PDB file of N, CA and C in Angstrom:
ATOM      1  N   MET A   1     -47.147  -1.215  -4.462  1.00  0.00           N
ATOM      2  CA  MET A   1     -46.640   0.024  -5.008  1.00  0.00           C
ATOM      3  C   MET A   1     -47.467   0.415  -6.233  1.00  0.00           C
ATOM      4  N   CYS A   2     -47.512   1.695  -6.478  1.00  0.00           N
ATOM      5  CA  CYS A   2     -48.208   2.190  -7.658  1.00  0.00           C
ATOM      6  C   CYS A   2     -47.307   2.040  -8.878  1.00  0.00           C
ATOM      7  N   LEU A   3     -47.849   2.277 -10.029  1.00  0.00           N
ATOM      8  CA  LEU A   3     -47.031   2.273 -11.233  1.00  0.00           C
ATOM      9  C   LEU A   3     -46.100   3.470 -11.185  1.00  0.00           C
ATOM     10  N   PRO A   4     -44.811   3.279 -11.438  1.00  0.00           N
ATOM     11  CA  PRO A   4     -43.868   4.401 -11.373  1.00  0.00           C
ATOM     12  C   PRO A   4     -44.079   5.385 -12.524  1.00  0.00           C
ATOM     13  N   VAL A   5     -43.769   6.650 -12.247  1.00  0.00           N
ATOM     14  CA  VAL A   5     -43.849   7.705 -13.251  1.00  0.00           C
ATOM     15  C   VAL A   5     -42.432   8.220 -13.477  1.00  0.00           C
ATOM     16  N   LEU A   6     -41.988   8.220 -14.712  1.00  0.00           N
ATOM     17  CA  LEU A   6     -40.645   8.695 -15.029  1.00  0.00           C
ATOM     18  C   LEU A   6     -40.550  10.182 -14.730  1.00  0.00           C
ATOM     19  N   VAL A   7     -39.620  10.558 -13.842  1.00  0.00           N
ATOM     20  CA  VAL A   7     -39.419  11.946 -13.445  1.00  0.00           C
ATOM     21  C   VAL A   7     -38.253  12.547 -14.216  1.00  0.00           C
ATOM     22  N   LYS A   8     -37.196  11.751 -14.363  1.00  0.00           N
ATOM     23  CA  LYS A   8     -35.986  12.244 -15.023  1.00  0.00           C
ATOM     24  C   LYS A   8     -35.342  11.080 -15.771  1.00  0.00           C
ATOM     25  N   GLU A   9     -35.215  11.242 -17.061  1.00  0.00           N
ATOM     26  CA  GLU A   9     -34.575  10.192 -17.869  1.00  0.00           C
ATOM     27  C   GLU A   9     -33.082  10.423 -17.881  1.00  0.00           C
ATOM     28  N   GLY A  10     -32.337   9.370 -17.543  1.00  0.00           N
ATOM     29  CA  GLY A  10     -30.892   9.475 -17.490  1.00  0.00           C
ATOM     30  C   GLY A  10     -30.270   9.499 -18.876  1.00  0.00           C
ATOM     31  N   VAL A  11     -29.220  10.274 -18.992  1.00  0.00           N
ATOM     32  CA  VAL A  11     -28.519  10.348 -20.266  1.00  0.00           C
ATOM     33  C   VAL A  11     -27.702   9.084 -20.494  1.00  0.00           C
ATOM     34  N   PHE A  12     -27.109   8.559 -19.437  1.00  0.00           N
ATOM     35  CA  PHE A  12     -26.244   7.401 -19.585  1.00  0.00           C
ATOM     36  C   PHE A  12     -26.874   6.121 -19.047  1.00  0.00           C
ATOM     37  N   SER A  13     -26.992   6.020 -17.725  1.00  0.00           N
ATOM     38  CA  SER A  13     -27.431   4.728 -17.210  1.00  0.00           C
ATOM     39  C   SER A  13     -28.313   4.792 -15.971  1.00  0.00           C
ATOM     40  N   GLU A  14     -28.972   5.908 -15.707  1.00  0.00           N
ATOM     41  CA  GLU A  14     -29.873   6.002 -14.557  1.00  0.00           C
ATOM     42  C   GLU A  14     -31.145   6.758 -14.928  1.00  0.00           C
ATOM     43  N   ASP A  15     -32.271   6.209 -14.533  1.00  0.00           N
ATOM     44  CA  ASP A  15     -33.556   6.891 -14.675  1.00  0.00           C
ATOM     45  C   ASP A  15     -34.143   7.074 -13.276  1.00  0.00           C
ATOM     46  N   VAL A  16     -34.853   8.190 -13.067  1.00  0.00           N
ATOM     47  CA  VAL A  16     -35.474   8.479 -11.781  1.00  0.00           C
ATOM     48  C   VAL A  16     -36.995   8.418 -11.950  1.00  0.00           C
ATOM     49  N   TYR A  17     -37.645   7.653 -11.064  1.00  0.00           N
ATOM     50  CA  TYR A  17     -39.094   7.488 -11.106  1.00  0.00           C
ATOM     51  C   TYR A  17     -39.708   8.018  -9.817  1.00  0.00           C
ATOM     52  N   GLY A  18     -40.882   8.629  -9.922  1.00  0.00           N
ATOM     53  CA  GLY A  18     -41.667   9.015  -8.760  1.00  0.00           C
ATOM     54  C   GLY A  18     -42.660   7.905  -8.465  1.00  0.00           C
ATOM     55  N   MET A  19     -42.796   7.531  -7.197  1.00  0.00           N
ATOM     56  CA  MET A  19     -43.654   6.411  -6.815  1.00  0.00           C
ATOM     57  C   MET A  19     -44.325   6.699  -5.474  1.00  0.00           C
ATOM     58  N   TYR A  20     -45.287   5.857  -5.125  1.00  0.00           N
ATOM     59  CA  TYR A  20     -45.842   5.848  -3.777  1.00  0.00           C
ATOM     60  C   TYR A  20     -46.362   4.443  -3.495  1.00  0.00           C
ATOM     61  N   ALA A  21     -46.387   4.085  -2.230  1.00  0.00           N
ATOM     62  CA  ALA A  21     -46.926   2.792  -1.821  1.00  0.00           C
ATOM     63  C   ALA A  21     -48.437   2.907  -1.729  1.00  0.00           C
ATOM     64  N   LEU A  22     -49.150   1.870  -2.110  1.00  0.00           N
ATOM     65  CA  LEU A  22     -50.610   1.903  -2.023  1.00  0.00           C
ATOM     66  C   LEU A  22     -51.076   2.093  -0.585  1.00  0.00           C
ATOM     67  N   SER A  23     -50.289   1.598   0.373  1.00  0.00           N
ATOM     68  CA  SER A  23     -50.658   1.756   1.784  1.00  0.00           C
ATOM     69  C   SER A  23     -50.443   3.183   2.287  1.00  0.00           C
ATOM     70  N   HIS A  24     -49.613   3.966   1.584  1.00  0.00           N
ATOM     71  CA  HIS A  24     -49.316   5.353   1.971  1.00  0.00           C
ATOM     72  C   HIS A  24     -49.260   6.230   0.721  1.00  0.00           C
ATOM     73  N   PRO A  25     -50.402   6.504   0.103  1.00  0.00           N
ATOM     74  CA  PRO A  25     -50.377   7.311  -1.125  1.00  0.00           C
ATOM     75  C   PRO A  25     -49.905   8.746  -0.911  1.00  0.00           C
ATOM     76  N   ASP A  26     -49.880   9.199   0.337  1.00  0.00           N
ATOM     77  CA  ASP A  26     -49.417  10.554   0.620  1.00  0.00           C
ATOM     78  C   ASP A  26     -47.900  10.659   0.740  1.00  0.00           C
ATOM     79  N   ILE A  27     -47.189   9.530   0.726  1.00  0.00           N
ATOM     80  CA  ILE A  27     -45.732   9.542   0.802  1.00  0.00           C
ATOM     81  C   ILE A  27     -45.176   9.272  -0.597  1.00  0.00           C
ATOM     82  N   VAL A  28     -44.794  10.335  -1.282  1.00  0.00           N
ATOM     83  CA  VAL A  28     -44.221  10.207  -2.624  1.00  0.00           C
ATOM     84  C   VAL A  28     -42.707  10.113  -2.465  1.00  0.00           C
ATOM     85  N   PHE A  29     -42.105   9.179  -3.186  1.00  0.00           N
ATOM     86  CA  PHE A  29     -40.658   9.008  -3.077  1.00  0.00           C
ATOM     87  C   PHE A  29     -40.058   8.738  -4.443  1.00  0.00           C
ATOM     88  N   GLU A  30     -38.744   8.812  -4.526  1.00  0.00           N
ATOM     89  CA  GLU A  30     -38.039   8.568  -5.770  1.00  0.00           C
ATOM     90  C   GLU A  30     -37.365   7.203  -5.743  1.00  0.00           C
ATOM     91  N   ALA A  31     -37.342   6.586  -6.896  1.00  0.00           N
ATOM     92  CA  ALA A  31     -36.583   5.345  -7.100  1.00  0.00           C
ATOM     93  C   ALA A  31     -35.655   5.589  -8.278  1.00  0.00           C
ATOM     94  N   VAL A  32     -34.394   5.259  -8.086  1.00  0.00           N
ATOM     95  CA  VAL A  32     -33.400   5.428  -9.137  1.00  0.00           C
ATOM     96  C   VAL A  32     -33.054   4.044  -9.678  1.00  0.00           C
ATOM     97  N   ILE A  33     -33.294   3.857 -10.951  1.00  0.00           N
ATOM     98  CA  ILE A  33     -33.008   2.576 -11.600  1.00  0.00           C
ATOM     99  C   ILE A  33     -31.710   2.727 -12.385  1.00  0.00           C
ATOM    100  N   LYS A  34     -30.760   1.900 -12.062  1.00  0.00           N
ATOM    101  CA  LYS A  34     -29.489   1.902 -12.781  1.00  0.00           C
ATOM    102  C   LYS A  34     -29.500   0.716 -13.729  1.00  0.00           C
ATOM    103  N   TYR A  35     -29.135   0.951 -14.968  1.00  0.00           N
ATOM    104  CA  TYR A  35     -29.169  -0.124 -15.944  1.00  0.00           C
ATOM    105  C   TYR A  35     -27.907  -0.123 -16.796  1.00  0.00           C
ATOM    106  N   ASP A  36     -27.654  -1.261 -17.391  1.00  0.00           N
ATOM    107  CA  ASP A  36     -26.511  -1.443 -18.280  1.00  0.00           C
ATOM    108  C   ASP A  36     -26.940  -1.014 -19.675  1.00  0.00           C
ATOM    109  N   ILE A  37     -26.311   0.028 -20.203  1.00  0.00           N
ATOM    110  CA  ILE A  37     -26.733   0.555 -21.502  1.00  0.00           C
ATOM    111  C   ILE A  37     -26.356  -0.362 -22.659  1.00  0.00           C
ATOM    112  N   ILE A  38     -25.432  -1.278 -22.446  1.00  0.00           N
ATOM    113  CA  ILE A  38     -25.013  -2.162 -23.531  1.00  0.00           C
ATOM    114  C   ILE A  38     -26.053  -3.241 -23.800  1.00  0.00           C
ATOM    115  N   ASP A  39     -26.486  -3.943 -22.751  1.00  0.00           N
ATOM    116  CA  ASP A  39     -27.486  -4.994 -22.981  1.00  0.00           C
ATOM    117  C   ASP A  39     -28.864  -4.636 -22.418  1.00  0.00           C
ATOM    118  N   ASP A  40     -29.031  -3.370 -21.977  1.00  0.00           N
ATOM    119  CA  ASP A  40     -30.322  -2.849 -21.519  1.00  0.00           C
ATOM    120  C   ASP A  40     -30.943  -3.686 -20.398  1.00  0.00           C
ATOM    121  N   THR A  41     -30.124  -4.079 -19.414  1.00  0.00           N
ATOM    122  CA  THR A  41     -30.624  -4.828 -18.268  1.00  0.00           C
ATOM    123  C   THR A  41     -30.484  -3.969 -17.011  1.00  0.00           C
ATOM    124  N   ILE A  42     -31.399  -4.176 -16.088  1.00  0.00           N
ATOM    125  CA  ILE A  42     -31.349  -3.453 -14.816  1.00  0.00           C
ATOM    126  C   ILE A  42     -30.283  -4.087 -13.938  1.00  0.00           C
ATOM    127  N   CYS A  43     -29.400  -3.265 -13.411  1.00  0.00           N
ATOM    128  CA  CYS A  43     -28.337  -3.802 -12.559  1.00  0.00           C
ATOM    129  C   CYS A  43     -28.391  -3.231 -11.139  1.00  0.00           C
ATOM    130  N   GLY A  44     -29.424  -2.476 -10.811  1.00  0.00           N
ATOM    131  CA  GLY A  44     -29.550  -1.999  -9.440  1.00  0.00           C
ATOM    132  C   GLY A  44     -30.649  -0.974  -9.292  1.00  0.00           C
ATOM    133  N   MET A  45     -31.095  -0.801  -8.036  1.00  0.00           N
ATOM    134  CA  MET A  45     -32.120   0.186  -7.741  1.00  0.00           C
ATOM    135  C   MET A  45     -31.835   0.785  -6.374  1.00  0.00           C
ATOM    136  N   ARG A  46     -32.065   2.078  -6.263  1.00  0.00           N
ATOM    137  CA  ARG A  46     -31.924   2.777  -4.988  1.00  0.00           C
ATOM    138  C   ARG A  46     -33.220   3.565  -4.804  1.00  0.00           C
ATOM    139  N   GLU A  47     -33.824   3.481  -3.635  1.00  0.00           N
ATOM    140  CA  GLU A  47     -35.069   4.203  -3.401  1.00  0.00           C
ATOM    141  C   GLU A  47     -35.094   4.773  -1.993  1.00  0.00           C
ATOM    142  N   GLU A  48     -35.966   5.754  -1.787  1.00  0.00           N
ATOM    143  CA  GLU A  48     -35.996   6.469  -0.520  1.00  0.00           C
ATOM    144  C   GLU A  48     -37.267   6.206   0.286  1.00  0.00           C
ATOM    145  N   TYR A  49     -37.982   5.137  -0.002  1.00  0.00           N
ATOM    146  CA  TYR A  49     -39.238   4.876   0.701  1.00  0.00           C
ATOM    147  C   TYR A  49     -39.017   4.707   2.207  1.00  0.00           C
ATOM    148  N   GLY A  50     -37.992   3.974   2.584  1.00  0.00           N
ATOM    149  CA  GLY A  50     -37.703   3.789   4.004  1.00  0.00           C
ATOM    150  C   GLY A  50     -37.445   5.100   4.717  1.00  0.00           C
ATOM    151  N   LEU A  51     -36.738   6.011   4.058  1.00  0.00           N
ATOM    152  CA  LEU A  51     -36.480   7.329   4.636  1.00  0.00           C
ATOM    153  C   LEU A  51     -37.773   8.109   4.832  1.00  0.00           C
ATOM    154  N   ARG A  52     -38.610   8.115   3.801  1.00  0.00           N
ATOM    155  CA  ARG A  52     -39.862   8.872   3.857  1.00  0.00           C
ATOM    156  C   ARG A  52     -40.844   8.267   4.862  1.00  0.00           C
ATOM    157  N   LEU A  53     -40.869   6.938   4.949  1.00  0.00           N
ATOM    158  CA  LEU A  53     -41.764   6.276   5.896  1.00  0.00           C
ATOM    159  C   LEU A  53     -41.330   6.560   7.336  1.00  0.00           C
ATOM    160  N   THR A  54     -40.028   6.506   7.592  1.00  0.00           N
ATOM    161  CA  THR A  54     -39.511   6.814   8.923  1.00  0.00           C
ATOM    162  C   THR A  54     -39.836   8.260   9.295  1.00  0.00           C
ATOM    163  N   GLU A  55     -39.664   9.174   8.354  1.00  0.00           N
ATOM    164  CA  GLU A  55     -39.990  10.581   8.604  1.00  0.00           C
ATOM    165  C   GLU A  55     -41.485  10.742   8.908  1.00  0.00           C
ATOM    166  N   TYR A  56     -42.325  10.037   8.168  1.00  0.00           N
ATOM    167  CA  TYR A  56     -43.772  10.089   8.354  1.00  0.00           C
ATOM    168  C   TYR A  56     -44.161   9.664   9.773  1.00  0.00           C
ATOM    169  N   TYR A  57     -43.653   8.510  10.207  1.00  0.00           N
ATOM    170  CA  TYR A  57     -43.998   8.028  11.549  1.00  0.00           C
ATOM    171  C   TYR A  57     -43.336   8.857  12.640  1.00  0.00           C
ATOM    172  N   ALA A  58     -42.121   9.331  12.410  1.00  0.00           N
ATOM    173  CA  ALA A  58     -41.456  10.173  13.409  1.00  0.00           C
ATOM    174  C   ALA A  58     -42.303  11.408  13.697  1.00  0.00           C
ATOM    175  N   THR A  59     -42.858  12.006  12.656  1.00  0.00           N
ATOM    176  CA  THR A  59     -43.724  13.175  12.829  1.00  0.00           C
ATOM    177  C   THR A  59     -44.948  12.810  13.661  1.00  0.00           C
ATOM    178  N   GLU A  60     -45.551  11.645  13.373  1.00  0.00           N
ATOM    179  CA  GLU A  60     -46.726  11.208  14.140  1.00  0.00           C
ATOM    180  C   GLU A  60     -46.410  10.993  15.619  1.00  0.00           C
ATOM    181  N   TYR A  61     -45.182  10.602  15.926  1.00  0.00           N
ATOM    182  CA  TYR A  61     -44.791  10.334  17.309  1.00  0.00           C
ATOM    183  C   TYR A  61     -44.116  11.543  17.963  1.00  0.00           C
ATOM    184  N   GLY A  62     -44.119  12.677  17.289  1.00  0.00           N
ATOM    185  CA  GLY A  62     -43.543  13.890  17.855  1.00  0.00           C
ATOM    186  C   GLY A  62     -42.029  13.906  17.871  1.00  0.00           C
ATOM    187  N   LEU A  63     -41.396  13.123  17.000  1.00  0.00           N
ATOM    188  CA  LEU A  63     -39.940  13.072  16.927  1.00  0.00           C
ATOM    189  C   LEU A  63     -39.451  13.943  15.772  1.00  0.00           C
ATOM    190  N   HIS A  64     -38.238  14.407  15.893  1.00  0.00           N
ATOM    191  CA  HIS A  64     -37.628  15.217  14.837  1.00  0.00           C
ATOM    192  C   HIS A  64     -36.707  14.315  14.018  1.00  0.00           C
ATOM    193  N   SER A  65     -36.917  14.288  12.698  1.00  0.00           N
ATOM    194  CA  SER A  65     -36.042  13.491  11.845  1.00  0.00           C
ATOM    195  C   SER A  65     -35.320  14.408  10.876  1.00  0.00           C
ATOM    196  N   LEU A  66     -34.166  13.959  10.441  1.00  0.00           N
ATOM    197  CA  LEU A  66     -33.311  14.756   9.573  1.00  0.00           C
ATOM    198  C   LEU A  66     -32.679  13.842   8.539  1.00  0.00           C
ATOM    199  N   PHE A  67     -32.702  14.250   7.283  1.00  0.00           N
ATOM    200  CA  PHE A  67     -32.006  13.504   6.231  1.00  0.00           C
ATOM    201  C   PHE A  67     -30.571  14.009   6.159  1.00  0.00           C
ATOM    202  N   LEU A  68     -29.634  13.098   6.100  1.00  0.00           N
ATOM    203  CA  LEU A  68     -28.232  13.464   5.941  1.00  0.00           C
ATOM    204  C   LEU A  68     -27.679  12.791   4.696  1.00  0.00           C
ATOM    205  N   ALA A  69     -26.949  13.558   3.913  1.00  0.00           N
ATOM    206  CA  ALA A  69     -26.289  13.014   2.727  1.00  0.00           C
ATOM    207  C   ALA A  69     -24.892  12.578   3.128  1.00  0.00           C
ATOM    208  N   GLY A  70     -24.555  11.344   2.817  1.00  0.00           N
ATOM    209  CA  GLY A  70     -23.257  10.810   3.195  1.00  0.00           C
ATOM    210  C   GLY A  70     -22.101  11.555   2.546  1.00  0.00           C
ATOM    211  N   GLY A  71     -21.271  12.204   3.365  1.00  0.00           N
ATOM    212  CA  GLY A  71     -20.055  12.829   2.884  1.00  0.00           C
ATOM    213  C   GLY A  71     -20.236  14.118   2.107  1.00  0.00           C
ATOM    214  N   ASN A  72     -21.412  14.720   2.134  1.00  0.00           N
ATOM    215  CA  ASN A  72     -21.644  15.949   1.389  1.00  0.00           C
ATOM    216  C   ASN A  72     -22.178  17.038   2.305  1.00  0.00           C
ATOM    217  N   ASP A  73     -21.746  18.284   2.062  1.00  0.00           N
ATOM    218  CA  ASP A  73     -22.205  19.409   2.870  1.00  0.00           C
ATOM    219  C   ASP A  73     -23.448  20.068   2.286  1.00  0.00           C
ATOM    220  N   GLU A  74     -23.731  19.842   1.000  1.00  0.00           N
ATOM    221  CA  GLU A  74     -24.855  20.493   0.352  1.00  0.00           C
ATOM    222  C   GLU A  74     -26.104  19.633   0.440  1.00  0.00           C
ATOM    223  N   TRP A  75     -27.267  20.288   0.484  1.00  0.00           N
ATOM    224  CA  TRP A  75     -28.538  19.570   0.483  1.00  0.00           C
ATOM    225  C   TRP A  75     -28.784  19.052  -0.926  1.00  0.00           C
ATOM    226  N   PRO A  76     -28.992  17.766  -1.095  1.00  0.00           N
ATOM    227  CA  PRO A  76     -29.170  17.223  -2.449  1.00  0.00           C
ATOM    228  C   PRO A  76     -30.534  17.585  -3.042  1.00  0.00           C
ATOM    229  N   GLU A  77     -30.580  17.677  -4.358  1.00  0.00           N
ATOM    230  CA  GLU A  77     -31.839  17.958  -5.041  1.00  0.00           C
ATOM    231  C   GLU A  77     -32.689  16.707  -5.165  1.00  0.00           C
ATOM    232  N   SER A  78     -32.064  15.553  -5.217  1.00  0.00           N
ATOM    233  CA  SER A  78     -32.831  14.314  -5.344  1.00  0.00           C
ATOM    234  C   SER A  78     -31.997  13.146  -4.853  1.00  0.00           C
ATOM    235  N   MET A  79     -32.687  12.021  -4.630  1.00  0.00           N
ATOM    236  CA  MET A  79     -32.002  10.799  -4.225  1.00  0.00           C
ATOM    237  C   MET A  79     -31.084  10.290  -5.316  1.00  0.00           C
ATOM    238  N   ALA A  80     -31.292  10.711  -6.546  1.00  0.00           N
ATOM    239  CA  ALA A  80     -30.459  10.249  -7.644  1.00  0.00           C
ATOM    240  C   ALA A  80     -29.015  10.705  -7.464  1.00  0.00           C
ATOM    241  N   GLU A  81     -28.819  11.759  -6.690  1.00  0.00           N
ATOM    242  CA  GLU A  81     -27.494  12.344  -6.574  1.00  0.00           C
ATOM    243  C   GLU A  81     -26.675  11.834  -5.387  1.00  0.00           C
ATOM    244  N   TYR A  82     -27.340  11.431  -4.298  1.00  0.00           N
ATOM    245  CA  TYR A  82     -26.609  11.079  -3.081  1.00  0.00           C
ATOM    246  C   TYR A  82     -27.246   9.892  -2.382  1.00  0.00           C
ATOM    247  N   ASP A  83     -26.442   9.191  -1.616  1.00  0.00           N
ATOM    248  CA  ASP A  83     -26.987   8.198  -0.698  1.00  0.00           C
ATOM    249  C   ASP A  83     -27.341   8.940   0.588  1.00  0.00           C
ATOM    250  N   MET A  84     -28.531   8.676   1.107  1.00  0.00           N
ATOM    251  CA  MET A  84     -29.017   9.425   2.255  1.00  0.00           C
ATOM    252  C   MET A  84     -29.331   8.473   3.407  1.00  0.00           C
ATOM    253  N   ILE A  85     -29.312   9.028   4.618  1.00  0.00           N
ATOM    254  CA  ILE A  85     -29.762   8.314   5.799  1.00  0.00           C
ATOM    255  C   ILE A  85     -30.736   9.207   6.550  1.00  0.00           C
ATOM    256  N   ASN A  86     -31.586   8.603   7.349  1.00  0.00           N
ATOM    257  CA  ASN A  86     -32.541   9.344   8.168  1.00  0.00           C
ATOM    258  C   ASN A  86     -32.090   9.217   9.614  1.00  0.00           C
ATOM    259  N   VAL A  87     -31.937  10.345  10.279  1.00  0.00           N
ATOM    260  CA  VAL A  87     -31.484  10.373  11.668  1.00  0.00           C
ATOM    261  C   VAL A  87     -32.611  10.924  12.536  1.00  0.00           C
ATOM    262  N   LEU A  88     -32.927  10.224  13.626  1.00  0.00           N
ATOM    263  CA  LEU A  88     -33.892  10.720  14.603  1.00  0.00           C
ATOM    264  C   LEU A  88     -33.109  11.492  15.656  1.00  0.00           C
ATOM    265  N   CYS A  89     -33.525  12.734  15.912  1.00  0.00           N
ATOM    266  CA  CYS A  89     -32.756  13.636  16.770  1.00  0.00           C
ATOM    267  C   CYS A  89     -33.505  13.964  18.059  1.00  0.00           C
ATOM    268  N   TYR A  90     -32.754  14.229  19.099  1.00  0.00           N
ATOM    269  CA  TYR A  90     -33.340  14.751  20.334  1.00  0.00           C
ATOM    270  C   TYR A  90     -32.577  16.022  20.687  1.00  0.00           C
ATOM    271  N   GLU A  91     -33.267  16.975  21.278  1.00  0.00           N
ATOM    272  CA  GLU A  91     -32.669  18.273  21.543  1.00  0.00           C
ATOM    273  C   GLU A  91     -32.249  18.459  22.999  1.00  0.00           C
ATOM    274  N   ASP A  92     -32.971  17.833  23.912  1.00  0.00           N
ATOM    275  CA  ASP A  92     -32.720  18.043  25.325  1.00  0.00           C
ATOM    276  C   ASP A  92     -32.156  16.764  25.945  1.00  0.00           C
ATOM    277  N   PRO A  93     -30.884  16.796  26.387  1.00  0.00           N
ATOM    278  CA  PRO A  93     -30.285  15.594  26.991  1.00  0.00           C
ATOM    279  C   PRO A  93     -31.057  15.082  28.203  1.00  0.00           C
ATOM    280  N   ASP A  94     -31.796  15.960  28.884  1.00  0.00           N
ATOM    281  CA  ASP A  94     -32.582  15.541  30.044  1.00  0.00           C
ATOM    282  C   ASP A  94     -33.780  14.690  29.633  1.00  0.00           C
ATOM    283  N   GLU A  95     -34.150  14.729  28.354  1.00  0.00           N
ATOM    284  CA  GLU A  95     -35.285  13.964  27.858  1.00  0.00           C
ATOM    285  C   GLU A  95     -34.862  12.743  27.046  1.00  0.00           C
ATOM    286  N   LEU A  96     -33.607  12.331  27.194  1.00  0.00           N
ATOM    287  CA  LEU A  96     -33.083  11.205  26.409  1.00  0.00           C
ATOM    288  C   LEU A  96     -33.847   9.913  26.688  1.00  0.00           C
ATOM    289  N   ASP A  97     -34.172   9.639  27.934  1.00  0.00           N
ATOM    290  CA  ASP A  97     -34.913   8.411  28.260  1.00  0.00           C
ATOM    291  C   ASP A  97     -36.281   8.405  27.584  1.00  0.00           C
ATOM    292  N   GLU A  98     -36.987   9.527  27.637  1.00  0.00           N
ATOM    293  CA  GLU A  98     -38.295   9.635  26.998  1.00  0.00           C
ATOM    294  C   GLU A  98     -38.171   9.483  25.473  1.00  0.00           C
ATOM    295  N   PHE A  99     -37.120  10.096  24.904  1.00  0.00           N
ATOM    296  CA  PHE A  99     -36.867   9.980  23.466  1.00  0.00           C
ATOM    297  C   PHE A  99     -36.665   8.514  23.074  1.00  0.00           C
ATOM    298  N   CYS A 100     -35.808   7.807  23.814  1.00  0.00           N
ATOM    299  CA  CYS A 100     -35.525   6.396  23.518  1.00  0.00           C
ATOM    300  C   CYS A 100     -36.789   5.546  23.641  1.00  0.00           C
ATOM    301  N   ASP A 101     -37.573   5.794  24.684  1.00  0.00           N
ATOM    302  CA  ASP A 101     -38.827   5.050  24.858  1.00  0.00           C
ATOM    303  C   ASP A 101     -39.773   5.288  23.681  1.00  0.00           C
ATOM    304  N   THR A 102     -39.839   6.521  23.206  1.00  0.00           N
ATOM    305  CA  THR A 102     -40.720   6.852  22.085  1.00  0.00           C
ATOM    306  C   THR A 102     -40.254   6.164  20.807  1.00  0.00           C
ATOM    307  N   VAL A 103     -38.950   6.175  20.557  1.00  0.00           N
ATOM    308  CA  VAL A 103     -38.409   5.521  19.352  1.00  0.00           C
ATOM    309  C   VAL A 103     -38.687   4.017  19.400  1.00  0.00           C
ATOM    310  N   ILE A 104     -38.447   3.401  20.533  1.00  0.00           N
ATOM    311  CA  ILE A 104     -38.700   1.962  20.680  1.00  0.00           C
ATOM    312  C   ILE A 104     -40.178   1.667  20.477  1.00  0.00           C
ATOM    313  N   ARG A 105     -41.046   2.462  21.080  1.00  0.00           N
ATOM    314  CA  ARG A 105     -42.496   2.271  20.926  1.00  0.00           C
ATOM    315  C   ARG A 105     -42.913   2.427  19.462  1.00  0.00           C
ATOM    316  N   MET A 106     -42.350   3.423  18.782  1.00  0.00           N
ATOM    317  CA  MET A 106     -42.687   3.652  17.376  1.00  0.00           C
ATOM    318  C   MET A 106     -42.337   2.422  16.527  1.00  0.00           C
ATOM    319  N   PHE A 107     -41.146   1.879  16.705  1.00  0.00           N
ATOM    320  CA  PHE A 107     -40.733   0.725  15.905  1.00  0.00           C
ATOM    321  C   PHE A 107     -41.505  -0.544  16.277  1.00  0.00           C
ATOM    322  N   ARG A 108     -41.906  -0.658  17.527  1.00  0.00           N
ATOM    323  CA  ARG A 108     -42.709  -1.825  17.925  1.00  0.00           C
ATOM    324  C   ARG A 108     -44.133  -1.729  17.387  1.00  0.00           C
ATOM    325  N   GLU A 109     -44.719  -0.546  17.467  1.00  0.00           N
ATOM    326  CA  GLU A 109     -46.101  -0.374  17.036  1.00  0.00           C
ATOM    327  C   GLU A 109     -46.246  -0.324  15.518  1.00  0.00           C
ATOM    328  N   GLN A 110     -45.245   0.158  14.827  1.00  0.00           N
ATOM    329  CA  GLN A 110     -45.300   0.287  13.371  1.00  0.00           C
ATOM    330  C   GLN A 110     -44.423  -0.800  12.746  1.00  0.00           C
ATOM    331  N   GLU A 111     -44.958  -1.999  12.667  1.00  0.00           N
ATOM    332  CA  GLU A 111     -44.200  -3.148  12.171  1.00  0.00           C
ATOM    333  C   GLU A 111     -43.656  -2.920  10.768  1.00  0.00           C
ATOM    334  N   GLU A 112     -44.327  -2.088  10.001  1.00  0.00           N
ATOM    335  CA  GLU A 112     -43.891  -1.794   8.634  1.00  0.00           C
ATOM    336  C   GLU A 112     -42.465  -1.231   8.606  1.00  0.00           C
ATOM    337  N   LEU A 113     -42.085  -0.479   9.639  1.00  0.00           N
ATOM    338  CA  LEU A 113     -40.733   0.090   9.692  1.00  0.00           C
ATOM    339  C   LEU A 113     -39.664  -0.998   9.757  1.00  0.00           C
ATOM    340  N   GLY A 114     -39.964  -2.103  10.402  1.00  0.00           N
ATOM    341  CA  GLY A 114     -39.001  -3.193  10.524  1.00  0.00           C
ATOM    342  C   GLY A 114     -38.887  -4.052   9.280  1.00  0.00           C
ATOM    343  N   LYS A 115     -39.786  -3.850   8.325  1.00  0.00           N
ATOM    344  CA  LYS A 115     -39.790  -4.672   7.108  1.00  0.00           C
ATOM    345  C   LYS A 115     -39.182  -3.951   5.915  1.00  0.00           C
ATOM    346  N   ILE A 116     -38.747  -2.727   6.093  1.00  0.00           N
ATOM    347  CA  ILE A 116     -38.182  -1.957   4.989  1.00  0.00           C
ATOM    348  C   ILE A 116     -36.784  -2.474   4.685  1.00  0.00           C
ATOM    349  N   GLU A 117     -36.583  -2.784   3.438  1.00  0.00           N
ATOM    350  CA  GLU A 117     -35.253  -3.173   2.955  1.00  0.00           C
ATOM    351  C   GLU A 117     -34.942  -2.327   1.758  1.00  0.00           C
ATOM    352  N   GLU A 118     -33.681  -1.952   1.618  1.00  0.00           N
ATOM    353  CA  GLU A 118     -33.286  -1.127   0.504  1.00  0.00           C
ATOM    354  C   GLU A 118     -32.154  -1.805  -0.244  1.00  0.00           C
ATOM    355  N   PHE A 119     -32.260  -1.877  -1.539  1.00  0.00           N
ATOM    356  CA  PHE A 119     -31.208  -2.450  -2.367  1.00  0.00           C
ATOM    357  C   PHE A 119     -30.389  -1.303  -2.954  1.00  0.00           C
ATOM    358  N   ILE A 120     -29.108  -1.302  -2.643  1.00  0.00           N
ATOM    359  CA  ILE A 120     -28.214  -0.275  -3.171  1.00  0.00           C
ATOM    360  C   ILE A 120     -27.217  -0.962  -4.093  1.00  0.00           C
ATOM    361  N   PRO A 121     -27.137  -0.520  -5.357  1.00  0.00           N
ATOM    362  CA  PRO A 121     -26.205  -1.152  -6.291  1.00  0.00           C
ATOM    363  C   PRO A 121     -24.768  -1.007  -5.806  1.00  0.00           C
ATOM    364  N   ARG A 122     -24.011  -2.017  -6.047  1.00  0.00           N
ATOM    365  CA  ARG A 122     -22.598  -1.993  -5.619  1.00  0.00           C
ATOM    366  C   ARG A 122     -21.710  -1.699  -6.788  1.00  0.00           C
TER     367      ARG A 122
END
């Protein structure tokens, strides 16, 4: 990963950083660092690299991906505000088999997708 750049300094206990992976400098993502303001220790991190990487490869494989914010109807301005998931969509039910084959092939060929882990503070 590159050195993070502070995008938004939190007033209370969260800072937002812009980052990119050295392997994918064209995929810029946000990381939200949550910290304890009393003893100034980091107590959690949430980042969207897995979402952005999945979207990147989905585009390469001709798949449509969509970010969904859990439990919210509005499009979020940043990852700092909502927990998000990435959904791969298909439009034509007659092409479901081809869609599934493409998704499976994408995850098999792009081993990096299987190694993404995200830490979400509890």
